[in-house]
PDB file of N, CA and C in Angstrom:
ATOM      1  N   PHE A   1       6.089  45.410 -17.820  1.00  0.00           N
ATOM      2  CA  PHE A   1       7.103  46.431 -17.835  1.00  0.00           C
ATOM      3  C   PHE A   1       7.242  47.029 -16.442  1.00  0.00           C
ATOM      4  N   PHE A   2       8.472  47.254 -16.050  1.00  0.00           N
ATOM      5  CA  PHE A   2       8.724  47.838 -14.737  1.00  0.00           C
ATOM      6  C   PHE A   2       8.510  49.352 -14.748  1.00  0.00           C
ATOM      7  N   VAL A   3       8.982  50.008 -15.805  1.00  0.00           N
ATOM      8  CA  VAL A   3       8.927  51.468 -15.885  1.00  0.00           C
ATOM      9  C   VAL A   3       8.318  51.860 -17.227  1.00  0.00           C
ATOM     10  N   GLU A   4       7.526  52.911 -17.224  1.00  0.00           N
ATOM     11  CA  GLU A   4       6.949  53.399 -18.477  1.00  0.00           C
ATOM     12  C   GLU A   4       7.768  54.572 -18.984  1.00  0.00           C
ATOM     13  N   LEU A   5       8.059  54.546 -20.264  1.00  0.00           N
ATOM     14  CA  LEU A   5       8.705  55.672 -20.920  1.00  0.00           C
ATOM     15  C   LEU A   5       7.604  56.504 -21.553  1.00  0.00           C
ATOM     16  N   VAL A   6       7.431  57.707 -21.039  1.00  0.00           N
ATOM     17  CA  VAL A   6       6.396  58.618 -21.519  1.00  0.00           C
ATOM     18  C   VAL A   6       7.050  59.598 -22.484  1.00  0.00           C
ATOM     19  N   CYS A   7       6.602  59.589 -23.716  1.00  0.00           N
ATOM     20  CA  CYS A   7       7.083  60.540 -24.720  1.00  0.00           C
ATOM     21  C   CYS A   7       5.966  61.539 -24.959  1.00  0.00           C
ATOM     22  N   GLU A   8       6.077  62.678 -24.305  1.00  0.00           N
ATOM     23  CA  GLU A   8       5.024  63.675 -24.425  1.00  0.00           C
ATOM     24  C   GLU A   8       5.017  64.307 -25.816  1.00  0.00           C
ATOM     25  N   THR A   9       3.885  64.846 -26.184  1.00  0.00           N
ATOM     26  CA  THR A   9       3.676  65.423 -27.502  1.00  0.00           C
ATOM     27  C   THR A   9       4.633  66.577 -27.778  1.00  0.00           C
ATOM     28  N   TYR A  10       4.784  67.465 -26.812  1.00  0.00           N
ATOM     29  CA  TYR A  10       5.636  68.637 -26.983  1.00  0.00           C
ATOM     30  C   TYR A  10       6.933  68.417 -26.214  1.00  0.00           C
ATOM     31  N   CYS A  11       8.051  68.429 -26.940  1.00  0.00           N
ATOM     32  CA  CYS A  11       9.329  68.150 -26.279  1.00  0.00           C
ATOM     33  C   CYS A  11      10.352  69.264 -26.471  1.00  0.00           C
ATOM     34  N   ILE A  12       9.964  70.355 -27.098  1.00  0.00           N
ATOM     35  CA  ILE A  12      10.874  71.484 -27.234  1.00  0.00           C
ATOM     36  C   ILE A  12      10.160  72.756 -26.794  1.00  0.00           C
ATOM     37  N   GLY A  13      10.962  73.753 -26.508  1.00  0.00           N
ATOM     38  CA  GLY A  13      10.390  75.037 -26.125  1.00  0.00           C
ATOM     39  C   GLY A  13       9.930  75.061 -24.684  1.00  0.00           C
ATOM     40  N   ASN A  14       9.226  76.099 -24.354  1.00  0.00           N
ATOM     41  CA  ASN A  14       8.699  76.288 -23.006  1.00  0.00           C
ATOM     42  C   ASN A  14       7.264  75.777 -22.984  1.00  0.00           C
ATOM     43  N   SER A  15       7.136  74.476 -22.799  1.00  0.00           N
ATOM     44  CA  SER A  15       5.820  73.857 -22.894  1.00  0.00           C
ATOM     45  C   SER A  15       5.590  72.927 -21.715  1.00  0.00           C
ATOM     46  N   PHE A  16       4.413  73.012 -21.144  1.00  0.00           N
ATOM     47  CA  PHE A  16       3.982  72.053 -20.133  1.00  0.00           C
ATOM     48  C   PHE A  16       2.536  71.707 -20.447  1.00  0.00           C
ATOM     49  N   PHE A  17       2.380  70.612 -21.150  1.00  0.00           N
ATOM     50  CA  PHE A  17       1.058  70.176 -21.568  1.00  0.00           C
ATOM     51  C   PHE A  17       0.934  68.679 -21.289  1.00  0.00           C
ATOM     52  N   PRO A  18       0.601  68.327 -20.026  1.00  0.00           N
ATOM     53  CA  PRO A  18       0.467  66.907 -19.689  1.00  0.00           C
ATOM     54  C   PRO A  18      -0.693  66.283 -20.468  1.00  0.00           C
ATOM     55  N   THR A  19      -0.444  65.114 -21.003  1.00  0.00           N
ATOM     56  CA  THR A  19      -1.468  64.399 -21.765  1.00  0.00           C
ATOM     57  C   THR A  19      -1.797  63.083 -21.069  1.00  0.00           C
ATOM     58  N   GLU A  20      -2.645  62.314 -21.714  1.00  0.00           N
ATOM     59  CA  GLU A  20      -2.993  60.994 -21.178  1.00  0.00           C
ATOM     60  C   GLU A  20      -1.770  60.103 -21.028  1.00  0.00           C
ATOM     61  N   LYS A  21      -0.706  60.430 -21.746  1.00  0.00           N
ATOM     62  CA  LYS A  21       0.499  59.599 -21.693  1.00  0.00           C
ATOM     63  C   LYS A  21       1.119  59.584 -20.297  1.00  0.00           C
ATOM     64  N   ILE A  22       1.091  60.699 -19.588  1.00  0.00           N
ATOM     65  CA  ILE A  22       1.641  60.725 -18.231  1.00  0.00           C
ATOM     66  C   ILE A  22       0.621  60.221 -17.209  1.00  0.00           C
ATOM     67  N   TRP A  23      -0.652  60.428 -17.496  1.00  0.00           N
ATOM     68  CA  TRP A  23      -1.662  59.997 -16.515  1.00  0.00           C
ATOM     69  C   TRP A  23      -1.766  58.476 -16.436  1.00  0.00           C
ATOM     70  N   ARG A  24      -1.480  57.774 -17.533  1.00  0.00           N
ATOM     71  CA  ARG A  24      -1.576  56.305 -17.529  1.00  0.00           C
ATOM     72  C   ARG A  24      -0.667  55.660 -16.481  1.00  0.00           C
ATOM     73  N   PRO A  25       0.645  55.938 -16.462  1.00  0.00           N
ATOM     74  CA  PRO A  25       1.454  55.288 -15.428  1.00  0.00           C
ATOM     75  C   PRO A  25       1.089  55.753 -14.019  1.00  0.00           C
ATOM     76  N   ILE A  26       0.693  57.006 -13.888  1.00  0.00           N
ATOM     77  CA  ILE A  26       0.305  57.482 -12.558  1.00  0.00           C
ATOM     78  C   ILE A  26      -0.949  56.752 -12.089  1.00  0.00           C
ATOM     79  N   ALA A  27      -1.939  56.621 -12.963  1.00  0.00           N
ATOM     80  CA  ALA A  27      -3.184  55.919 -12.602  1.00  0.00           C
ATOM     81  C   ALA A  27      -2.938  54.450 -12.302  1.00  0.00           C
ATOM     82  N   ASN A  28      -1.940  53.867 -12.952  1.00  0.00           N
ATOM     83  CA  ASN A  28      -1.623  52.447 -12.743  1.00  0.00           C
ATOM     84  C   ASN A  28      -0.532  52.225 -11.710  1.00  0.00           C
ATOM     85  N   ARG A  29      -0.149  53.312 -11.034  1.00  0.00           N
ATOM     86  CA  ARG A  29       0.861  53.245  -9.967  1.00  0.00           C
ATOM     87  C   ARG A  29       2.152  52.584 -10.459  1.00  0.00           C
ATOM     88  N   LYS A  30       2.658  53.113 -11.570  1.00  0.00           N
ATOM     89  CA  LYS A  30       3.899  52.608 -12.148  1.00  0.00           C
ATOM     90  C   LYS A  30       4.930  53.722 -12.200  1.00  0.00           C
ATOM     91  N   PRO A  31       6.202  53.378 -12.011  1.00  0.00           N
ATOM     92  CA  PRO A  31       7.246  54.390 -12.185  1.00  0.00           C
ATOM     93  C   PRO A  31       7.344  54.809 -13.647  1.00  0.00           C
ATOM     94  N   PHE A  32       7.859  56.009 -13.872  1.00  0.00           N
ATOM     95  CA  PHE A  32       7.930  56.513 -15.244  1.00  0.00           C
ATOM     96  C   PHE A  32       9.194  57.330 -15.466  1.00  0.00           C
ATOM     97  N   LEU A  33       9.577  57.398 -16.721  1.00  0.00           N
ATOM     98  CA  LEU A  33      10.594  58.311 -17.242  1.00  0.00           C
ATOM     99  C   LEU A  33       9.887  59.134 -18.297  1.00  0.00           C
ATOM    100  N   ILE A  34      10.203  60.417 -18.387  1.00  0.00           N
ATOM    101  CA  ILE A  34       9.490  61.284 -19.316  1.00  0.00           C
ATOM    102  C   ILE A  34      10.456  61.932 -20.287  1.00  0.00           C
ATOM    103  N   TYR A  35      10.145  61.826 -21.562  1.00  0.00           N
ATOM    104  CA  TYR A  35      10.830  62.589 -22.597  1.00  0.00           C
ATOM    105  C   TYR A  35       9.895  63.740 -22.938  1.00  0.00           C
ATOM    106  N   ALA A  36      10.293  64.936 -22.552  1.00  0.00           N
ATOM    107  CA  ALA A  36       9.408  66.102 -22.722  1.00  0.00           C
ATOM    108  C   ALA A  36      10.247  67.372 -22.736  1.00  0.00           C
ATOM    109  N   ALA A  37       9.567  68.474 -22.870  1.00  0.00           N
ATOM    110  CA  ALA A  37      10.236  69.771 -22.858  1.00  0.00           C
ATOM    111  C   ALA A  37      10.934  69.991 -21.510  1.00  0.00           C
ATOM    112  N   PRO A  38      12.041  70.757 -21.533  1.00  0.00           N
ATOM    113  CA  PRO A  38      12.680  71.094 -20.259  1.00  0.00           C
ATOM    114  C   PRO A  38      11.653  71.702 -19.295  1.00  0.00           C
ATOM    115  N   ASN A  39      11.865  71.482 -18.038  1.00  0.00           N
ATOM    116  CA  ASN A  39      11.003  71.946 -16.938  1.00  0.00           C
ATOM    117  C   ASN A  39       9.764  71.091 -16.731  1.00  0.00           C
ATOM    118  N   TYR A  40       9.554  70.066 -17.530  1.00  0.00           N
ATOM    119  CA  TYR A  40       8.363  69.225 -17.371  1.00  0.00           C
ATOM    120  C   TYR A  40       8.353  68.569 -15.981  1.00  0.00           C
ATOM    121  N   TYR A  41       9.476  67.963 -15.587  1.00  0.00           N
ATOM    122  CA  TYR A  41       9.553  67.335 -14.255  1.00  0.00           C
ATOM    123  C   TYR A  41       9.335  68.393 -13.174  1.00  0.00           C
ATOM    124  N   HIS A  42       9.975  69.536 -13.323  1.00  0.00           N
ATOM    125  CA  HIS A  42       9.824  70.624 -12.358  1.00  0.00           C
ATOM    126  C   HIS A  42       8.349  71.010 -12.220  1.00  0.00           C
ATOM    127  N   ASN A  43       7.665  71.141 -13.345  1.00  0.00           N
ATOM    128  CA  ASN A  43       6.255  71.526 -13.315  1.00  0.00           C
ATOM    129  C   ASN A  43       5.386  70.435 -12.697  1.00  0.00           C
ATOM    130  N   LEU A  44       5.699  69.175 -12.953  1.00  0.00           N
ATOM    131  CA  LEU A  44       4.964  68.091 -12.279  1.00  0.00           C
ATOM    132  C   LEU A  44       5.115  68.205 -10.769  1.00  0.00           C
ATOM    133  N   ARG A  45       6.341  68.479 -10.342  1.00  0.00           N
ATOM    134  CA  ARG A  45       6.575  68.624  -8.903  1.00  0.00           C
ATOM    135  C   ARG A  45       5.821  69.822  -8.340  1.00  0.00           C
ATOM    136  N   MET A  46       5.702  70.905  -9.132  1.00  0.00           N
ATOM    137  CA  MET A  46       4.929  72.074  -8.677  1.00  0.00           C
ATOM    138  C   MET A  46       3.456  71.715  -8.466  1.00  0.00           C
ATOM    139  N   LEU A  47       2.984  70.734  -9.203  1.00  0.00           N
ATOM    140  CA  LEU A  47       1.603  70.263  -9.018  1.00  0.00           C
ATOM    141  C   LEU A  47       1.479  69.315  -7.827  1.00  0.00           C
ATOM    142  N   GLY A  48       2.612  68.952  -7.236  1.00  0.00           N
ATOM    143  CA  GLY A  48       2.595  68.085  -6.065  1.00  0.00           C
ATOM    144  C   GLY A  48       3.034  66.660  -6.319  1.00  0.00           C
ATOM    145  N   PHE A  49       3.380  66.326  -7.549  1.00  0.00           N
ATOM    146  CA  PHE A  49       3.809  64.966  -7.863  1.00  0.00           C
ATOM    147  C   PHE A  49       5.245  64.742  -7.419  1.00  0.00           C
ATOM    148  N   ARG A  50       5.577  63.495  -7.180  1.00  0.00           N
ATOM    149  CA  ARG A  50       6.948  63.096  -6.869  1.00  0.00           C
ATOM    150  C   ARG A  50       7.491  62.324  -8.066  1.00  0.00           C
ATOM    151  N   THR A  51       8.777  62.504  -8.329  1.00  0.00           N
ATOM    152  CA  THR A  51       9.409  61.745  -9.408  1.00  0.00           C
ATOM    153  C   THR A  51      10.382  60.744  -8.785  1.00  0.00           C
ATOM    154  N   PHE A  52      11.257  60.169  -9.560  1.00  0.00           N
ATOM    155  CA  PHE A  52      11.988  58.990  -9.129  1.00  0.00           C
ATOM    156  C   PHE A  52      13.488  59.207  -8.989  1.00  0.00           C
ATOM    157  N   GLY A  53      13.861  60.443  -8.676  1.00  0.00           N
ATOM    158  CA  GLY A  53      15.266  60.783  -8.491  1.00  0.00           C
ATOM    159  C   GLY A  53      15.928  60.063  -7.333  1.00  0.00           C
ATOM    160  N   ASN A  54      15.153  59.506  -6.419  1.00  0.00           N
ATOM    161  CA  ASN A  54      15.735  58.710  -5.330  1.00  0.00           C
ATOM    162  C   ASN A  54      16.221  57.353  -5.825  1.00  0.00           C
ATOM    163  N   TRP A  55      15.745  56.943  -6.986  1.00  0.00           N
ATOM    164  CA  TRP A  55      16.066  55.602  -7.478  1.00  0.00           C
ATOM    165  C   TRP A  55      16.929  55.599  -8.729  1.00  0.00           C
ATOM    166  N   TRP A  56      16.914  56.679  -9.498  1.00  0.00           N
ATOM    167  CA  TRP A  56      17.789  56.792 -10.660  1.00  0.00           C
ATOM    168  C   TRP A  56      18.047  58.262 -10.969  1.00  0.00           C
ATOM    169  N   ASP A  57      19.051  58.483 -11.787  1.00  0.00           N
ATOM    170  CA  ASP A  57      19.475  59.842 -12.124  1.00  0.00           C
ATOM    171  C   ASP A  57      18.434  60.526 -13.002  1.00  0.00           C
ATOM    172  N   GLU A  58      17.951  61.659 -12.540  1.00  0.00           N
ATOM    173  CA  GLU A  58      17.020  62.472 -13.326  1.00  0.00           C
ATOM    174  C   GLU A  58      17.674  63.768 -13.781  1.00  0.00           C
ATOM    175  N   GLY A  59      18.988  63.781 -13.840  1.00  0.00           N
ATOM    176  CA  GLY A  59      19.711  64.976 -14.235  1.00  0.00           C
ATOM    177  C   GLY A  59      19.411  65.443 -15.648  1.00  0.00           C
ATOM    178  N   PHE A  60      18.902  64.544 -16.466  1.00  0.00           N
ATOM    179  CA  PHE A  60      18.595  64.874 -17.863  1.00  0.00           C
ATOM    180  C   PHE A  60      17.367  65.755 -18.018  1.00  0.00           C
ATOM    181  N   THR A  61      16.589  65.916 -16.998  1.00  0.00           N
ATOM    182  CA  THR A  61      15.255  66.503 -17.134  1.00  0.00           C
ATOM    183  C   THR A  61      15.235  67.949 -17.591  1.00  0.00           C
ATOM    184  N   GLU A  62      16.318  68.662 -17.408  1.00  0.00           N
ATOM    185  CA  GLU A  62      16.356  70.063 -17.831  1.00  0.00           C
ATOM    186  C   GLU A  62      17.195  70.250 -19.095  1.00  0.00           C
ATOM    187  N   ASP A  63      17.689  69.156 -19.660  1.00  0.00           N
ATOM    188  CA  ASP A  63      18.523  69.225 -20.855  1.00  0.00           C
ATOM    189  C   ASP A  63      17.681  69.391 -22.116  1.00  0.00           C
ATOM    190  N   ASP A  64      18.368  69.715 -23.194  1.00  0.00           N
ATOM    191  CA  ASP A  64      17.679  69.804 -24.476  1.00  0.00           C
ATOM    192  C   ASP A  64      17.212  68.400 -24.885  1.00  0.00           C
ATOM    193  N   PRO A  65      16.210  68.308 -25.748  1.00  0.00           N
ATOM    194  CA  PRO A  65      15.620  67.011 -26.102  1.00  0.00           C
ATOM    195  C   PRO A  65      16.610  65.985 -26.645  1.00  0.00           C
ATOM    196  N   LEU A  66      17.573  66.387 -27.445  1.00  0.00           N
ATOM    197  CA  LEU A  66      18.517  65.408 -27.984  1.00  0.00           C
ATOM    198  C   LEU A  66      19.394  64.807 -26.899  1.00  0.00           C
ATOM    199  N   SER A  67      19.815  65.608 -25.955  1.00  0.00           N
ATOM    200  CA  SER A  67      20.617  65.100 -24.841  1.00  0.00           C
ATOM    201  C   SER A  67      19.788  64.183 -23.946  1.00  0.00           C
ATOM    202  N   GLN A  68      18.526  64.503 -23.800  1.00  0.00           N
ATOM    203  CA  GLN A  68      17.659  63.677 -22.953  1.00  0.00           C
ATOM    204  C   GLN A  68      17.613  62.231 -23.432  1.00  0.00           C
ATOM    205  N   ILE A  69      17.582  62.033 -24.737  1.00  0.00           N
ATOM    206  CA  ILE A  69      17.429  60.685 -25.290  1.00  0.00           C
ATOM    207  C   ILE A  69      18.549  59.769 -24.829  1.00  0.00           C
ATOM    208  N   SER A  70      19.780  60.193 -24.960  1.00  0.00           N
ATOM    209  CA  SER A  70      20.889  59.319 -24.579  1.00  0.00           C
ATOM    210  C   SER A  70      20.923  59.088 -23.070  1.00  0.00           C
ATOM    211  N   GLN A  71      20.561  60.096 -22.300  1.00  0.00           N
ATOM    212  CA  GLN A  71      20.570  59.927 -20.849  1.00  0.00           C
ATOM    213  C   GLN A  71      19.418  59.040 -20.372  1.00  0.00           C
ATOM    214  N   ILE A  72      18.273  59.137 -21.012  1.00  0.00           N
ATOM    215  CA  ILE A  72      17.160  58.236 -20.689  1.00  0.00           C
ATOM    216  C   ILE A  72      17.558  56.805 -21.025  1.00  0.00           C
ATOM    217  N   LYS A  73      18.225  56.619 -22.145  1.00  0.00           N
ATOM    218  CA  LYS A  73      18.702  55.281 -22.522  1.00  0.00           C
ATOM    219  C   LYS A  73      19.633  54.710 -21.457  1.00  0.00           C
ATOM    220  N   THR A  74      20.499  55.540 -20.894  1.00  0.00           N
ATOM    221  CA  THR A  74      21.393  55.092 -19.830  1.00  0.00           C
ATOM    222  C   THR A  74      20.603  54.604 -18.622  1.00  0.00           C
ATOM    223  N   VAL A  75      19.569  55.345 -18.246  1.00  0.00           N
ATOM    224  CA  VAL A  75      18.726  54.939 -17.114  1.00  0.00           C
ATOM    225  C   VAL A  75      18.021  53.620 -17.434  1.00  0.00           C
ATOM    226  N   ILE A  76      17.475  53.507 -18.632  1.00  0.00           N
ATOM    227  CA  ILE A  76      16.782  52.268 -19.025  1.00  0.00           C
ATOM    228  C   ILE A  76      17.748  51.087 -19.022  1.00  0.00           C
ATOM    229  N   ASP A  77      18.958  51.297 -19.531  1.00  0.00           N
ATOM    230  CA  ASP A  77      19.968  50.228 -19.518  1.00  0.00           C
ATOM    231  C   ASP A  77      20.275  49.785 -18.092  1.00  0.00           C
ATOM    232  N   HIS A  78      20.369  50.748 -17.189  1.00  0.00           N
ATOM    233  CA  HIS A  78      20.620  50.403 -15.781  1.00  0.00           C
ATOM    234  C   HIS A  78      19.463  49.576 -15.208  1.00  0.00           C
ATOM    235  N   ILE A  79      18.242  50.027 -15.441  1.00  0.00           N
ATOM    236  CA  ILE A  79      17.079  49.297 -14.932  1.00  0.00           C
ATOM    237  C   ILE A  79      17.027  47.893 -15.532  1.00  0.00           C
ATOM    238  N   ALA A  80      17.323  47.784 -16.824  1.00  0.00           N
ATOM    239  CA  ALA A  80      17.301  46.479 -17.505  1.00  0.00           C
ATOM    240  C   ALA A  80      18.369  45.531 -16.967  1.00  0.00           C
ATOM    241  N   SER A  81      19.418  46.072 -16.378  1.00  0.00           N
ATOM    242  CA  SER A  81      20.486  45.215 -15.852  1.00  0.00           C
ATOM    243  C   SER A  81      20.149  44.615 -14.489  1.00  0.00           C
ATOM    244  N   LEU A  82      19.090  45.106 -13.864  1.00  0.00           N
ATOM    245  CA  LEU A  82      18.718  44.619 -12.537  1.00  0.00           C
ATOM    246  C   LEU A  82      18.044  43.250 -12.621  1.00  0.00           C
ATOM    247  N   GLU A  83      18.302  42.436 -11.633  1.00  0.00           N
ATOM    248  CA  GLU A  83      17.666  41.124 -11.527  1.00  0.00           C
ATOM    249  C   GLU A  83      16.247  41.283 -10.973  1.00  0.00           C
ATOM    250  N   GLN A  84      15.423  40.289 -11.189  1.00  0.00           N
ATOM    251  CA  GLN A  84      14.026  40.330 -10.747  1.00  0.00           C
ATOM    252  C   GLN A  84      13.874  40.673  -9.260  1.00  0.00           C
ATOM    253  N   PRO A  85      14.641  40.033  -8.348  1.00  0.00           N
ATOM    254  CA  PRO A  85      14.492  40.411  -6.931  1.00  0.00           C
ATOM    255  C   PRO A  85      14.840  41.881  -6.660  1.00  0.00           C
ATOM    256  N   GLU A  86      15.809  42.421  -7.397  1.00  0.00           N
ATOM    257  CA  GLU A  86      16.160  43.833  -7.233  1.00  0.00           C
ATOM    258  C   GLU A  86      15.027  44.739  -7.700  1.00  0.00           C
ATOM    259  N   LEU A  87      14.400  44.378  -8.823  1.00  0.00           N
ATOM    260  CA  LEU A  87      13.270  45.156  -9.331  1.00  0.00           C
ATOM    261  C   LEU A  87      12.093  45.111  -8.357  1.00  0.00           C
ATOM    262  N   GLU A  88      11.849  43.937  -7.800  1.00  0.00           N
ATOM    263  CA  GLU A  88      10.751  43.800  -6.838  1.00  0.00           C
ATOM    264  C   GLU A  88      11.008  44.659  -5.603  1.00  0.00           C
ATOM    265  N   ALA A  89      12.246  44.635  -5.104  1.00  0.00           N
ATOM    266  CA  ALA A  89      12.590  45.453  -3.937  1.00  0.00           C
ATOM    267  C   ALA A  89      12.467  46.940  -4.267  1.00  0.00           C
ATOM    268  N   LEU A  90      12.888  47.324  -5.450  1.00  0.00           N
ATOM    269  CA  LEU A  90      12.775  48.711  -5.895  1.00  0.00           C
ATOM    270  C   LEU A  90      11.308  49.136  -5.941  1.00  0.00           C
ATOM    271  N   TYR A  91      10.472  48.286  -6.503  1.00  0.00           N
ATOM    272  CA  TYR A  91       9.047  48.592  -6.627  1.00  0.00           C
ATOM    273  C   TYR A  91       8.400  48.731  -5.249  1.00  0.00           C
ATOM    274  N   ILE A  92       8.756  47.862  -4.341  1.00  0.00           N
ATOM    275  CA  ILE A  92       8.222  47.945  -2.978  1.00  0.00           C
ATOM    276  C   ILE A  92       8.666  49.253  -2.328  1.00  0.00           C
ATOM    277  N   ASP A  93       9.926  49.619  -2.544  1.00  0.00           N
ATOM    278  CA  ASP A  93      10.458  50.858  -1.977  1.00  0.00           C
ATOM    279  C   ASP A  93       9.744  52.089  -2.536  1.00  0.00           C
ATOM    280  N   MET A  94       9.223  52.009  -3.744  1.00  0.00           N
ATOM    281  CA  MET A  94       8.567  53.138  -4.414  1.00  0.00           C
ATOM    282  C   MET A  94       7.089  53.287  -4.059  1.00  0.00           C
ATOM    283  N   GLN A  95       6.538  52.390  -3.306  1.00  0.00           N
ATOM    284  CA  GLN A  95       5.094  52.372  -3.079  1.00  0.00           C
ATOM    285  C   GLN A  95       4.547  53.691  -2.546  1.00  0.00           C
ATOM    286  N   ASP A  96       5.241  54.314  -1.613  1.00  0.00           N
ATOM    287  CA  ASP A  96       4.746  55.589  -1.075  1.00  0.00           C
ATOM    288  C   ASP A  96       4.657  56.655  -2.163  1.00  0.00           C
ATOM    289  N   THR A  97       5.675  56.716  -3.017  1.00  0.00           N
ATOM    290  CA  THR A  97       5.677  57.692  -4.107  1.00  0.00           C
ATOM    291  C   THR A  97       4.590  57.388  -5.115  1.00  0.00           C
ATOM    292  N   LEU A  98       4.437  56.118  -5.473  1.00  0.00           N
ATOM    293  CA  LEU A  98       3.422  55.735  -6.457  1.00  0.00           C
ATOM    294  C   LEU A  98       2.011  56.033  -5.953  1.00  0.00           C
ATOM    295  N   GLU A  99       1.760  55.728  -4.701  1.00  0.00           N
ATOM    296  CA  GLU A  99       0.444  56.008  -4.120  1.00  0.00           C
ATOM    297  C   GLU A  99       0.223  57.514  -3.978  1.00  0.00           C
ATOM    298  N   HIS A 100       1.256  58.236  -3.572  1.00  0.00           N
ATOM    299  CA  HIS A 100       1.154  59.699  -3.468  1.00  0.00           C
ATOM    300  C   HIS A 100       0.780  60.300  -4.824  1.00  0.00           C
ATOM    301  N   ASN A 101       1.442  59.854  -5.885  1.00  0.00           N
ATOM    302  CA  ASN A 101       1.156  60.382  -7.222  1.00  0.00           C
ATOM    303  C   ASN A 101      -0.276  60.070  -7.644  1.00  0.00           C
ATOM    304  N   TYR A 102      -0.734  58.873  -7.343  1.00  0.00           N
ATOM    305  CA  TYR A 102      -2.111  58.495  -7.677  1.00  0.00           C
ATOM    306  C   TYR A 102      -3.093  59.422  -6.949  1.00  0.00           C
ATOM    307  N   GLN A 103      -2.876  59.607  -5.662  1.00  0.00           N
ATOM    308  CA  GLN A 103      -3.780  60.453  -4.874  1.00  0.00           C
ATOM    309  C   GLN A 103      -3.722  61.912  -5.345  1.00  0.00           C
ATOM    310  N   THR A 104      -2.538  62.383  -5.709  1.00  0.00           N
ATOM    311  CA  THR A 104      -2.396  63.745  -6.219  1.00  0.00           C
ATOM    312  C   THR A 104      -3.172  63.912  -7.512  1.00  0.00           C
ATOM    313  N   MET A 105      -3.068  62.938  -8.405  1.00  0.00           N
ATOM    314  CA  MET A 105      -3.801  62.993  -9.669  1.00  0.00           C
ATOM    315  C   MET A 105      -5.315  63.018  -9.417  1.00  0.00           C
ATOM    316  N   GLU A 106      -5.764  62.222  -8.480  1.00  0.00           N
ATOM    317  CA  GLU A 106      -7.194  62.151  -8.166  1.00  0.00           C
ATOM    318  C   GLU A 106      -7.740  63.496  -7.677  1.00  0.00           C
ATOM    319  N   GLN A 107      -6.894  64.293  -7.064  1.00  0.00           N
ATOM    320  CA  GLN A 107      -7.346  65.559  -6.480  1.00  0.00           C
ATOM    321  C   GLN A 107      -7.124  66.763  -7.392  1.00  0.00           C
ATOM    322  N   LEU A 108      -6.514  66.571  -8.547  1.00  0.00           N
ATOM    323  CA  LEU A 108      -6.253  67.689  -9.456  1.00  0.00           C
ATOM    324  C   LEU A 108      -7.544  68.291  -9.996  1.00  0.00           C
ATOM    325  N   SER A 109      -7.484  69.592 -10.214  1.00  0.00           N
ATOM    326  CA  SER A 109      -8.580  70.269 -10.899  1.00  0.00           C
ATOM    327  C   SER A 109      -7.975  71.260 -11.888  1.00  0.00           C
ATOM    328  N   SER A 110      -8.789  71.817 -12.721  1.00  0.00           N
ATOM    329  CA  SER A 110      -8.287  72.786 -13.704  1.00  0.00           C
ATOM    330  C   SER A 110      -7.645  73.990 -13.022  1.00  0.00           C
ATOM    331  N   ARG A 111      -8.070  74.324 -11.826  1.00  0.00           N
ATOM    332  CA  ARG A 111      -7.483  75.450 -11.089  1.00  0.00           C
ATOM    333  C   ARG A 111      -6.000  75.235 -10.806  1.00  0.00           C
ATOM    334  N   ASP A 112      -5.592  73.984 -10.673  1.00  0.00           N
ATOM    335  CA  ASP A 112      -4.187  73.684 -10.378  1.00  0.00           C
ATOM    336  C   ASP A 112      -3.260  74.069 -11.525  1.00  0.00           C
ATOM    337  N   PHE A 113      -3.790  74.185 -12.722  1.00  0.00           N
ATOM    338  CA  PHE A 113      -2.971  74.471 -13.897  1.00  0.00           C
ATOM    339  C   PHE A 113      -2.897  75.963 -14.226  1.00  0.00           C
ATOM    340  N   ILE A 114      -3.647  76.789 -13.526  1.00  0.00           N
ATOM    341  CA  ILE A 114      -3.674  78.229 -13.804  1.00  0.00           C
ATOM    342  C   ILE A 114      -2.276  78.831 -13.676  1.00  0.00           C
ATOM    343  N   LYS A 115      -1.495  78.356 -12.715  1.00  0.00           N
ATOM    344  CA  LYS A 115      -0.170  78.929 -12.495  1.00  0.00           C
ATOM    345  C   LYS A 115       0.766  78.767 -13.695  1.00  0.00           C
ATOM    346  N   PHE A 116       0.435  77.885 -14.623  1.00  0.00           N
ATOM    347  CA  PHE A 116       1.272  77.656 -15.804  1.00  0.00           C
ATOM    348  C   PHE A 116       0.805  78.456 -17.013  1.00  0.00           C
ATOM    349  N   ARG A 117      -0.315  79.099 -16.910  1.00  0.00           N
ATOM    350  CA  ARG A 117      -0.929  79.772 -18.066  1.00  0.00           C
ATOM    351  C   ARG A 117      -0.003  80.778 -18.735  1.00  0.00           C
ATOM    352  N   ASN A 118       0.599  81.653 -17.971  1.00  0.00           N
ATOM    353  CA  ASN A 118       1.417  82.719 -18.554  1.00  0.00           C
ATOM    354  C   ASN A 118       2.909  82.488 -18.340  1.00  0.00           C
ATOM    355  N   GLN A 119       3.271  81.277 -18.031  1.00  0.00           N
ATOM    356  CA  GLN A 119       4.676  80.973 -17.784  1.00  0.00           C
ATOM    357  C   GLN A 119       5.489  81.092 -19.058  1.00  0.00           C
ATOM    358  N   ARG A 120       6.622  81.733 -18.984  1.00  0.00           N
ATOM    359  CA  ARG A 120       7.508  81.886 -20.138  1.00  0.00           C
ATOM    360  C   ARG A 120       8.885  81.417 -19.801  1.00  0.00           C
TER     361      ARG A 120
END
């Protein structure tokens, strides 16, 4: 698989609870799309992670969960339409982001999540 679709446990409300589902593609240096509560991408970026807006539309990330589904499908359809050489070039282009995310994950500690404790 070229991209992992991460369906987080909590996808409604004001929730940011990263699970093993997001850590798997990051640990394996794979691009990902996330179906999660609004602000999830924003909160990942606050932790220092990079997402893939340079390569596909991430405009859905702040939408309600039902809207996210159809927009994620559009992104997946676009990725599926690419030929193998295009996917390989895309993956090579993403290497800095994938490695950055891996290194960021390796350096995380529980202190990094304190800023989300009382977020409303």
